[in-house]
Amino acid sequence: MGNDIDQRLPRREEGGRIIIGEGIRFERIRRITGYLVGSVERFNNAKRAEVTDRVKHAVMR
């Protein structure tokens, strides 16, 4: 079944490697205040305040 999906994606070969899915646009989806959203434009003022007040965790390397 995995090969069926791969066949529908754009592909090209570069340096002996196959590059799959290049050029496909996607929207960022985040989990904010319990909802999976792409943007907060439809949130009310209380939900927007939760977004601005939330603690953002950074990955330390």
PDB file of N, CA and C in Angstrom:
ATOM      1  N   MET A   1       0.824  -1.191   0.000  1.00  0.00           N
ATOM      2  CA  MET A   1       0.000   0.000   0.000  1.00  0.00           C
ATOM      3  C   MET A   1       0.866   1.252   0.000  1.00  0.00           C
ATOM      4  N   GLY A   2       2.003   1.258   0.691  1.00  0.00           N
ATOM      5  CA  GLY A   2       2.885   2.412   0.728  1.00  0.00           C
ATOM      6  C   GLY A   2       3.379   2.806  -0.648  1.00  0.00           C
ATOM      7  N   ASN A   3       3.638   1.826  -1.506  1.00  0.00           N
ATOM      8  CA  ASN A   3       4.091   2.137  -2.861  1.00  0.00           C
ATOM      9  C   ASN A   3       2.999   2.818  -3.675  1.00  0.00           C
ATOM     10  N   ASP A   4       1.725   2.487  -3.423  1.00  0.00           N
ATOM     11  CA  ASP A   4       0.627   3.136  -4.145  1.00  0.00           C
ATOM     12  C   ASP A   4       0.618   4.634  -3.872  1.00  0.00           C
ATOM     13  N   ILE A   5       0.858   5.015  -2.625  1.00  0.00           N
ATOM     14  CA  ILE A   5       0.879   6.429  -2.267  1.00  0.00           C
ATOM     15  C   ILE A   5       2.070   7.111  -2.929  1.00  0.00           C
ATOM     16  N   ASP A   6       3.233   6.473  -2.870  1.00  0.00           N
ATOM     17  CA  ASP A   6       4.439   7.065  -3.453  1.00  0.00           C
ATOM     18  C   ASP A   6       4.292   7.309  -4.948  1.00  0.00           C
ATOM     19  N   GLN A   7       3.575   6.469  -5.657  1.00  0.00           N
ATOM     20  CA  GLN A   7       3.431   6.612  -7.099  1.00  0.00           C
ATOM     21  C   GLN A   7       2.671   7.876  -7.468  1.00  0.00           C
ATOM     22  N   ARG A   8       1.830   8.383  -6.587  1.00  0.00           N
ATOM     23  CA  ARG A   8       1.043   9.583  -6.882  1.00  0.00           C
ATOM     24  C   ARG A   8       1.797  10.874  -6.594  1.00  0.00           C
ATOM     25  N   LEU A   9       2.890  10.805  -5.859  1.00  0.00           N
ATOM     26  CA  LEU A   9       3.658  11.991  -5.509  1.00  0.00           C
ATOM     27  C   LEU A   9       4.658  12.322  -6.608  1.00  0.00           C
ATOM     28  N   PRO A  10       4.933  13.624  -6.811  1.00  0.00           N
ATOM     29  CA  PRO A  10       5.950  13.984  -7.799  1.00  0.00           C
ATOM     30  C   PRO A  10       7.307  13.444  -7.371  1.00  0.00           C
ATOM     31  N   ARG A  11       8.088  13.012  -8.321  1.00  0.00           N
ATOM     32  CA  ARG A  11       9.399  12.444  -8.010  1.00  0.00           C
ATOM     33  C   ARG A  11      10.393  12.811  -9.087  1.00  0.00           C
ATOM     34  N   ARG A  12      11.651  12.847  -8.700  1.00  0.00           N
ATOM     35  CA  ARG A  12      12.733  13.063  -9.651  1.00  0.00           C
ATOM     36  C   ARG A  12      13.977  12.383  -9.102  1.00  0.00           C
ATOM     37  N   GLU A  13      14.928  12.145  -9.963  1.00  0.00           N
ATOM     38  CA  GLU A  13      16.162  11.505  -9.542  1.00  0.00           C
ATOM     39  C   GLU A  13      17.279  12.527  -9.543  1.00  0.00           C
ATOM     40  N   GLU A  14      18.103  12.479  -8.494  1.00  0.00           N
ATOM     41  CA  GLU A  14      19.227  13.405  -8.377  1.00  0.00           C
ATOM     42  C   GLU A  14      20.400  12.683  -7.733  1.00  0.00           C
ATOM     43  N   GLY A  15      21.471  12.563  -8.468  1.00  0.00           N
ATOM     44  CA  GLY A  15      22.671  11.930  -7.924  1.00  0.00           C
ATOM     45  C   GLY A  15      22.450  10.500  -7.474  1.00  0.00           C
ATOM     46  N   GLY A  16      21.640   9.743  -8.211  1.00  0.00           N
ATOM     47  CA  GLY A  16      21.370   8.359  -7.852  1.00  0.00           C
ATOM     48  C   GLY A  16      20.335   8.196  -6.750  1.00  0.00           C
ATOM     49  N   ARG A  17      19.793   9.294  -6.257  1.00  0.00           N
ATOM     50  CA  ARG A  17      18.764   9.241  -5.217  1.00  0.00           C
ATOM     51  C   ARG A  17      17.447   9.716  -5.801  1.00  0.00           C
ATOM     52  N   ILE A  18      16.343   9.151  -5.349  1.00  0.00           N
ATOM     53  CA  ILE A  18      15.017   9.567  -5.800  1.00  0.00           C
ATOM     54  C   ILE A  18      14.463  10.561  -4.796  1.00  0.00           C
ATOM     55  N   ILE A  19      14.113  11.742  -5.279  1.00  0.00           N
ATOM     56  CA  ILE A  19      13.527  12.790  -4.446  1.00  0.00           C
ATOM     57  C   ILE A  19      12.016  12.729  -4.651  1.00  0.00           C
ATOM     58  N   ILE A  20      11.259  12.484  -3.574  1.00  0.00           N
ATOM     59  CA  ILE A  20       9.803  12.320  -3.666  1.00  0.00           C
ATOM     60  C   ILE A  20       9.108  13.462  -2.938  1.00  0.00           C
ATOM     61  N   GLY A  21       8.083  14.019  -3.570  1.00  0.00           N
ATOM     62  CA  GLY A  21       7.223  15.005  -2.925  1.00  0.00           C
ATOM     63  C   GLY A  21       7.719  16.432  -2.982  1.00  0.00           C
ATOM     64  N   GLU A  22       8.766  16.708  -3.716  1.00  0.00           N
ATOM     65  CA  GLU A  22       9.280  18.073  -3.798  1.00  0.00           C
ATOM     66  C   GLU A  22       8.258  18.989  -4.468  1.00  0.00           C
ATOM     67  N   GLY A  23       8.080  20.174  -3.941  1.00  0.00           N
ATOM     68  CA  GLY A  23       7.180  21.143  -4.537  1.00  0.00           C
ATOM     69  C   GLY A  23       5.741  21.062  -4.052  1.00  0.00           C
ATOM     70  N   ILE A  24       5.437  20.140  -3.159  1.00  0.00           N
ATOM     71  CA  ILE A  24       4.082  20.035  -2.630  1.00  0.00           C
ATOM     72  C   ILE A  24       3.936  21.033  -1.490  1.00  0.00           C
ATOM     73  N   ARG A  25       2.957  21.905  -1.598  1.00  0.00           N
ATOM     74  CA  ARG A  25       2.714  22.903  -0.552  1.00  0.00           C
ATOM     75  C   ARG A  25       1.835  22.288   0.538  1.00  0.00           C
ATOM     76  N   PHE A  26       2.068  22.687   1.773  1.00  0.00           N
ATOM     77  CA  PHE A  26       1.234  22.232   2.876  1.00  0.00           C
ATOM     78  C   PHE A  26       1.061  23.359   3.867  1.00  0.00           C
ATOM     79  N   GLU A  27       0.009  23.285   4.628  1.00  0.00           N
ATOM     80  CA  GLU A  27      -0.280  24.286   5.650  1.00  0.00           C
ATOM     81  C   GLU A  27       0.191  23.755   6.988  1.00  0.00           C
ATOM     82  N   ARG A  28       0.840  24.597   7.743  1.00  0.00           N
ATOM     83  CA  ARG A  28       1.296  24.197   9.068  1.00  0.00           C
ATOM     84  C   ARG A  28       0.079  23.994   9.962  1.00  0.00           C
ATOM     85  N   ILE A  29       0.045  22.871  10.649  1.00  0.00           N
ATOM     86  CA  ILE A  29      -1.035  22.586  11.586  1.00  0.00           C
ATOM     87  C   ILE A  29      -0.421  22.468  12.974  1.00  0.00           C
ATOM     88  N   ARG A  30      -0.995  23.201  13.919  1.00  0.00           N
ATOM     89  CA  ARG A  30      -0.491  23.189  15.288  1.00  0.00           C
ATOM     90  C   ARG A  30      -1.621  22.821  16.239  1.00  0.00           C
ATOM     91  N   ARG A  31      -1.244  22.300  17.389  1.00  0.00           N
ATOM     92  CA  ARG A  31      -2.229  22.041  18.432  1.00  0.00           C
ATOM     93  C   ARG A  31      -2.172  23.225  19.381  1.00  0.00           C
ATOM     94  N   ILE A  32      -3.246  24.020  19.378  1.00  0.00           N
ATOM     95  CA  ILE A  32      -3.307  25.206  20.233  1.00  0.00           C
ATOM     96  C   ILE A  32      -4.551  25.107  21.093  1.00  0.00           C
ATOM     97  N   THR A  33      -4.356  25.210  22.374  1.00  0.00           N
ATOM     98  CA  THR A  33      -5.430  25.172  23.378  1.00  0.00           C
ATOM     99  C   THR A  33      -6.406  24.025  23.127  1.00  0.00           C
ATOM    100  N   GLY A  34      -5.868  22.864  22.742  1.00  0.00           N
ATOM    101  CA  GLY A  34      -6.699  21.680  22.568  1.00  0.00           C
ATOM    102  C   GLY A  34      -7.293  21.502  21.186  1.00  0.00           C
ATOM    103  N   TYR A  35      -6.990  22.398  20.258  1.00  0.00           N
ATOM    104  CA  TYR A  35      -7.534  22.302  18.908  1.00  0.00           C
ATOM    105  C   TYR A  35      -6.407  22.175  17.888  1.00  0.00           C
ATOM    106  N   LEU A  36      -6.630  21.409  16.831  1.00  0.00           N
ATOM    107  CA  LEU A  36      -5.687  21.366  15.716  1.00  0.00           C
ATOM    108  C   LEU A  36      -6.088  22.455  14.742  1.00  0.00           C
ATOM    109  N   VAL A  37      -5.212  23.430  14.560  1.00  0.00           N
ATOM    110  CA  VAL A  37      -5.554  24.593  13.735  1.00  0.00           C
ATOM    111  C   VAL A  37      -4.387  24.973  12.836  1.00  0.00           C
ATOM    112  N   GLY A  38      -4.706  25.662  11.748  1.00  0.00           N
ATOM    113  CA  GLY A  38      -3.687  26.223  10.877  1.00  0.00           C
ATOM    114  C   GLY A  38      -3.443  27.679  11.208  1.00  0.00           C
ATOM    115  N   SER A  39      -4.462  28.369  11.696  1.00  0.00           N
ATOM    116  CA  SER A  39      -4.326  29.765  12.096  1.00  0.00           C
ATOM    117  C   SER A  39      -5.314  30.052  13.223  1.00  0.00           C
ATOM    118  N   VAL A  40      -5.141  31.206  13.851  1.00  0.00           N
ATOM    119  CA  VAL A  40      -6.004  31.570  14.972  1.00  0.00           C
ATOM    120  C   VAL A  40      -7.014  32.648  14.589  1.00  0.00           C
ATOM    121  N   GLU A  41      -7.184  32.906  13.313  1.00  0.00           N
ATOM    122  CA  GLU A  41      -8.050  34.009  12.882  1.00  0.00           C
ATOM    123  C   GLU A  41      -9.510  33.831  13.290  1.00  0.00           C
ATOM    124  N   ARG A  42      -9.960  32.601  13.510  1.00  0.00           N
ATOM    125  CA  ARG A  42     -11.359  32.380  13.898  1.00  0.00           C
ATOM    126  C   ARG A  42     -11.534  32.268  15.411  1.00  0.00           C
ATOM    127  N   PHE A  43     -10.444  32.406  16.179  1.00  0.00           N
ATOM    128  CA  PHE A  43     -10.523  32.337  17.634  1.00  0.00           C
ATOM    129  C   PHE A  43     -11.137  33.618  18.190  1.00  0.00           C
ATOM    130  N   ASN A  44     -11.852  33.478  19.310  1.00  0.00           N
ATOM    131  CA  ASN A  44     -12.347  34.671  19.995  1.00  0.00           C
ATOM    132  C   ASN A  44     -11.214  35.275  20.824  1.00  0.00           C
ATOM    133  N   ASN A  45     -11.472  36.412  21.469  1.00  0.00           N
ATOM    134  CA  ASN A  45     -10.419  37.117  22.213  1.00  0.00           C
ATOM    135  C   ASN A  45      -9.826  36.273  23.344  1.00  0.00           C
ATOM    136  N   ALA A  46     -10.642  35.480  24.012  1.00  0.00           N
ATOM    137  CA  ALA A  46     -10.142  34.651  25.115  1.00  0.00           C
ATOM    138  C   ALA A  46      -9.167  33.588  24.599  1.00  0.00           C
ATOM    139  N   LYS A  47      -9.512  32.935  23.503  1.00  0.00           N
ATOM    140  CA  LYS A  47      -8.617  31.917  22.945  1.00  0.00           C
ATOM    141  C   LYS A  47      -7.339  32.555  22.414  1.00  0.00           C
ATOM    142  N   ARG A  48      -7.443  33.735  21.799  1.00  0.00           N
ATOM    143  CA  ARG A  48      -6.239  34.429  21.323  1.00  0.00           C
ATOM    144  C   ARG A  48      -5.334  34.792  22.489  1.00  0.00           C
ATOM    145  N   ALA A  49      -5.918  35.179  23.625  1.00  0.00           N
ATOM    146  CA  ALA A  49      -5.128  35.489  24.815  1.00  0.00           C
ATOM    147  C   ALA A  49      -4.401  34.240  25.317  1.00  0.00           C
ATOM    148  N   GLU A  50      -5.055  33.083  25.280  1.00  0.00           N
ATOM    149  CA  GLU A  50      -4.403  31.832  25.674  1.00  0.00           C
ATOM    150  C   GLU A  50      -3.187  31.566  24.796  1.00  0.00           C
ATOM    151  N   VAL A  51      -3.321  31.830  23.506  1.00  0.00           N
ATOM    152  CA  VAL A  51      -2.220  31.587  22.576  1.00  0.00           C
ATOM    153  C   VAL A  51      -1.036  32.483  22.912  1.00  0.00           C
ATOM    154  N   THR A  52      -1.284  33.768  23.176  1.00  0.00           N
ATOM    155  CA  THR A  52      -0.177  34.686  23.466  1.00  0.00           C
ATOM    156  C   THR A  52       0.433  34.435  24.843  1.00  0.00           C
ATOM    157  N   ASP A  53      -0.359  33.896  25.780  1.00  0.00           N
ATOM    158  CA  ASP A  53       0.132  33.669  27.141  1.00  0.00           C
ATOM    159  C   ASP A  53       0.794  32.310  27.338  1.00  0.00           C
ATOM    160  N   ARG A  54       0.679  31.435  26.392  1.00  0.00           N
ATOM    161  CA  ARG A  54       1.188  30.076  26.601  1.00  0.00           C
ATOM    162  C   ARG A  54       2.709  30.037  26.638  1.00  0.00           C
ATOM    163  N   VAL A  55       3.240  29.033  27.331  1.00  0.00           N
ATOM    164  CA  VAL A  55       4.679  28.846  27.446  1.00  0.00           C
ATOM    165  C   VAL A  55       5.152  28.071  26.226  1.00  0.00           C
ATOM    166  N   LYS A  56       6.128  28.624  25.534  1.00  0.00           N
ATOM    167  CA  LYS A  56       6.683  27.944  24.364  1.00  0.00           C
ATOM    168  C   LYS A  56       7.964  27.250  24.789  1.00  0.00           C
ATOM    169  N   HIS A  57       8.057  25.968  24.518  1.00  0.00           N
ATOM    170  CA  HIS A  57       9.217  25.180  24.910  1.00  0.00           C
ATOM    171  C   HIS A  57      10.212  25.153  23.769  1.00  0.00           C
ATOM    172  N   ALA A  58      11.461  25.422  24.075  1.00  0.00           N
ATOM    173  CA  ALA A  58      12.520  25.433  23.065  1.00  0.00           C
ATOM    174  C   ALA A  58      13.355  24.170  23.197  1.00  0.00           C
ATOM    175  N   VAL A  59      13.838  23.692  22.102  1.00  0.00           N
ATOM    176  CA  VAL A  59      14.722  22.534  22.101  1.00  0.00           C
ATOM    177  C   VAL A  59      16.145  23.037  22.273  1.00  0.00           C
ATOM    178  N   MET A  60      16.827  22.590  23.314  1.00  0.00           N
ATOM    179  CA  MET A  60      18.191  22.999  23.580  1.00  0.00           C
ATOM    180  C   MET A  60      19.133  21.948  23.019  1.00  0.00           C
ATOM    181  N   ARG A  61      20.096  22.391  22.246  1.00  0.00           N
ATOM    182  CA  ARG A  61      21.070  21.440  21.673  1.00  0.00           C
ATOM    183  C   ARG A  61      22.452  21.717  22.159  1.00  0.00           C
TER     184      ARG A  61
END
